[in-house]
Amino acid sequence: MQIHYYNYYSHKLGKHMEYKVYGHAGKPVLVFPTSNGRFYQYEDSGMIRALSPYIREGRIQVWTVDGLDWETYFSESWDQL
């Protein structure tokens, strides 16, 4: 299975953002992590393994992106607003 890791600097966010793309073709499936999760959570929980037949066949391509919960919803700076 083709897997690509990316680490790009976002000028809008002012920080590096990480994500992975699994597969070489197919319908794109965008996956967000659960609360305070990271881009690798989907793989760690076994979901990439479960979807691997569809990924290998080129039926889907899974994009797992990083979250920002710790800087937004769960940020302690909200208390100061």
C-alpha atoms as a PDB file:
ATOM      1  CA  MET A   1       0.000   0.000   0.000  1.00  0.00           C
ATOM      2  CA  GLN A   2       1.265   3.441  -0.916  1.00  0.00           C
ATOM      3  CA  ILE A   3       1.581   5.755   2.120  1.00  0.00           C
ATOM      4  CA  HIS A   4       2.767   9.356   2.052  1.00  0.00           C
ATOM      5  CA  TYR A   5       3.543  11.477   5.112  1.00  0.00           C
ATOM      6  CA  TYR A   6       3.413  15.274   4.856  1.00  0.00           C
ATOM      7  CA  ASN A   7       4.558  18.010   7.223  1.00  0.00           C
ATOM      8  CA  TYR A   8       3.787  21.452   5.822  1.00  0.00           C
ATOM      9  CA  TYR A   9       4.036  24.874   7.355  1.00  0.00           C
ATOM     10  CA  SER A  10       0.681  26.676   7.370  1.00  0.00           C
ATOM     11  CA  HIS A  11       1.106  30.421   7.066  1.00  0.00           C
ATOM     12  CA  LYS A  12      -2.538  30.881   8.086  1.00  0.00           C
ATOM     13  CA  LEU A  13      -2.046  28.950  11.341  1.00  0.00           C
ATOM     14  CA  GLY A  14       1.583  29.918  11.885  1.00  0.00           C
ATOM     15  CA  LYS A  15       2.653  26.327  12.555  1.00  0.00           C
ATOM     16  CA  HIS A  16       3.503  23.005  10.956  1.00  0.00           C
ATOM     17  CA  MET A  17       0.604  20.648  10.201  1.00  0.00           C
ATOM     18  CA  GLU A  18       0.972  16.914   9.595  1.00  0.00           C
ATOM     19  CA  TYR A  19      -1.130  14.457   7.625  1.00  0.00           C
ATOM     20  CA  LYS A  20      -0.914  11.121   5.831  1.00  0.00           C
ATOM     21  CA  VAL A  21      -2.373   9.860   2.573  1.00  0.00           C
ATOM     22  CA  TYR A  22      -3.009   6.124   2.180  1.00  0.00           C
ATOM     23  CA  GLY A  23      -3.444   4.769  -1.318  1.00  0.00           C
ATOM     24  CA  HIS A  24      -2.674   5.692  -4.896  1.00  0.00           C
ATOM     25  CA  ALA A  25      -6.174   6.302  -6.314  1.00  0.00           C
ATOM     26  CA  GLY A  26      -9.881   6.180  -5.598  1.00  0.00           C
ATOM     27  CA  LYS A  27     -12.491   8.333  -3.944  1.00  0.00           C
ATOM     28  CA  PRO A  28     -10.899  10.554  -1.300  1.00  0.00           C
ATOM     29  CA  VAL A  29     -11.952   9.893   2.291  1.00  0.00           C
ATOM     30  CA  LEU A  30     -11.052  12.712   4.690  1.00  0.00           C
ATOM     31  CA  VAL A  31     -10.645  11.583   8.311  1.00  0.00           C
ATOM     32  CA  PHE A  32     -10.481  13.906  11.303  1.00  0.00           C
ATOM     33  CA  PRO A  33      -9.189  12.653  14.665  1.00  0.00           C
ATOM     34  CA  THR A  34     -11.402  12.414  17.726  1.00  0.00           C
ATOM     35  CA  SER A  35     -11.059  14.905  20.593  1.00  0.00           C
ATOM     36  CA  ASN A  36      -7.420  15.878  21.132  1.00  0.00           C
ATOM     37  CA  GLY A  37      -6.364  13.216  18.604  1.00  0.00           C
ATOM     38  CA  ARG A  38      -3.616  13.321  16.025  1.00  0.00           C
ATOM     39  CA  PHE A  39      -3.356  12.425  12.333  1.00  0.00           C
ATOM     40  CA  TYR A  40      -1.995   8.932  13.107  1.00  0.00           C
ATOM     41  CA  GLN A  41      -4.924   7.967  15.370  1.00  0.00           C
ATOM     42  CA  TYR A  42      -6.904   6.328  12.536  1.00  0.00           C
ATOM     43  CA  GLU A  43      -3.981   4.035  11.724  1.00  0.00           C
ATOM     44  CA  ASP A  44      -3.249   3.295  15.397  1.00  0.00           C
ATOM     45  CA  SER A  45      -6.849   2.225  16.001  1.00  0.00           C
ATOM     46  CA  GLY A  46      -6.730  -0.335  13.168  1.00  0.00           C
ATOM     47  CA  MET A  47      -8.985   1.460  10.699  1.00  0.00           C
ATOM     48  CA  ILE A  48      -6.381   1.645   7.927  1.00  0.00           C
ATOM     49  CA  ARG A  49      -5.827  -2.108   8.287  1.00  0.00           C
ATOM     50  CA  ALA A  50      -9.599  -2.678   8.077  1.00  0.00           C
ATOM     51  CA  LEU A  51      -9.848  -0.538   4.924  1.00  0.00           C
ATOM     52  CA  SER A  52      -6.645  -1.846   3.331  1.00  0.00           C
ATOM     53  CA  PRO A  53      -8.376  -4.050   0.713  1.00  0.00           C
ATOM     54  CA  TYR A  54     -10.229  -1.009  -0.648  1.00  0.00           C
ATOM     55  CA  ILE A  55      -7.107   1.158  -0.450  1.00  0.00           C
ATOM     56  CA  ARG A  56      -4.915  -1.409  -2.231  1.00  0.00           C
ATOM     57  CA  GLU A  57      -7.523  -1.896  -4.987  1.00  0.00           C
ATOM     58  CA  GLY A  58      -7.563   1.858  -5.600  1.00  0.00           C
ATOM     59  CA  ARG A  59     -11.227   2.181  -4.658  1.00  0.00           C
ATOM     60  CA  ILE A  60     -10.554   4.733  -1.895  1.00  0.00           C
ATOM     61  CA  GLN A  61      -7.725   7.006  -0.828  1.00  0.00           C
ATOM     62  CA  VAL A  62      -7.709   7.915   2.878  1.00  0.00           C
ATOM     63  CA  TRP A  63      -6.437  11.307   4.060  1.00  0.00           C
ATOM     64  CA  THR A  64      -5.835  11.571   7.819  1.00  0.00           C
ATOM     65  CA  VAL A  65      -5.319  15.126   9.051  1.00  0.00           C
ATOM     66  CA  ASP A  66      -4.140  16.618  12.313  1.00  0.00           C
ATOM     67  CA  GLY A  67      -6.441  18.293  14.800  1.00  0.00           C
ATOM     68  CA  LEU A  68      -6.211  21.549  16.714  1.00  0.00           C
ATOM     69  CA  ASP A  69      -8.511  20.760  19.636  1.00  0.00           C
ATOM     70  CA  TRP A  70      -5.845  21.502  22.264  1.00  0.00           C
ATOM     71  CA  GLU A  71      -5.460  24.993  20.760  1.00  0.00           C
ATOM     72  CA  THR A  72      -9.165  25.689  20.267  1.00  0.00           C
ATOM     73  CA  TYR A  73     -12.000  23.908  22.036  1.00  0.00           C
ATOM     74  CA  PHE A  74      -9.878  22.422  24.849  1.00  0.00           C
ATOM     75  CA  SER A  75      -7.576  25.424  25.198  1.00  0.00           C
ATOM     76  CA  GLU A  76      -7.334  26.914  28.676  1.00  0.00           C
ATOM     77  CA  SER A  77      -7.020  30.384  27.136  1.00  0.00           C
ATOM     78  CA  TRP A  78     -10.797  30.320  26.510  1.00  0.00           C
ATOM     79  CA  ASP A  79     -11.210  30.957  30.223  1.00  0.00           C
ATOM     80  CA  GLN A  80      -9.589  34.344  29.737  1.00  0.00           C
ATOM     81  CA  LEU A  81     -12.020  35.612  27.080  1.00  0.00           C
END
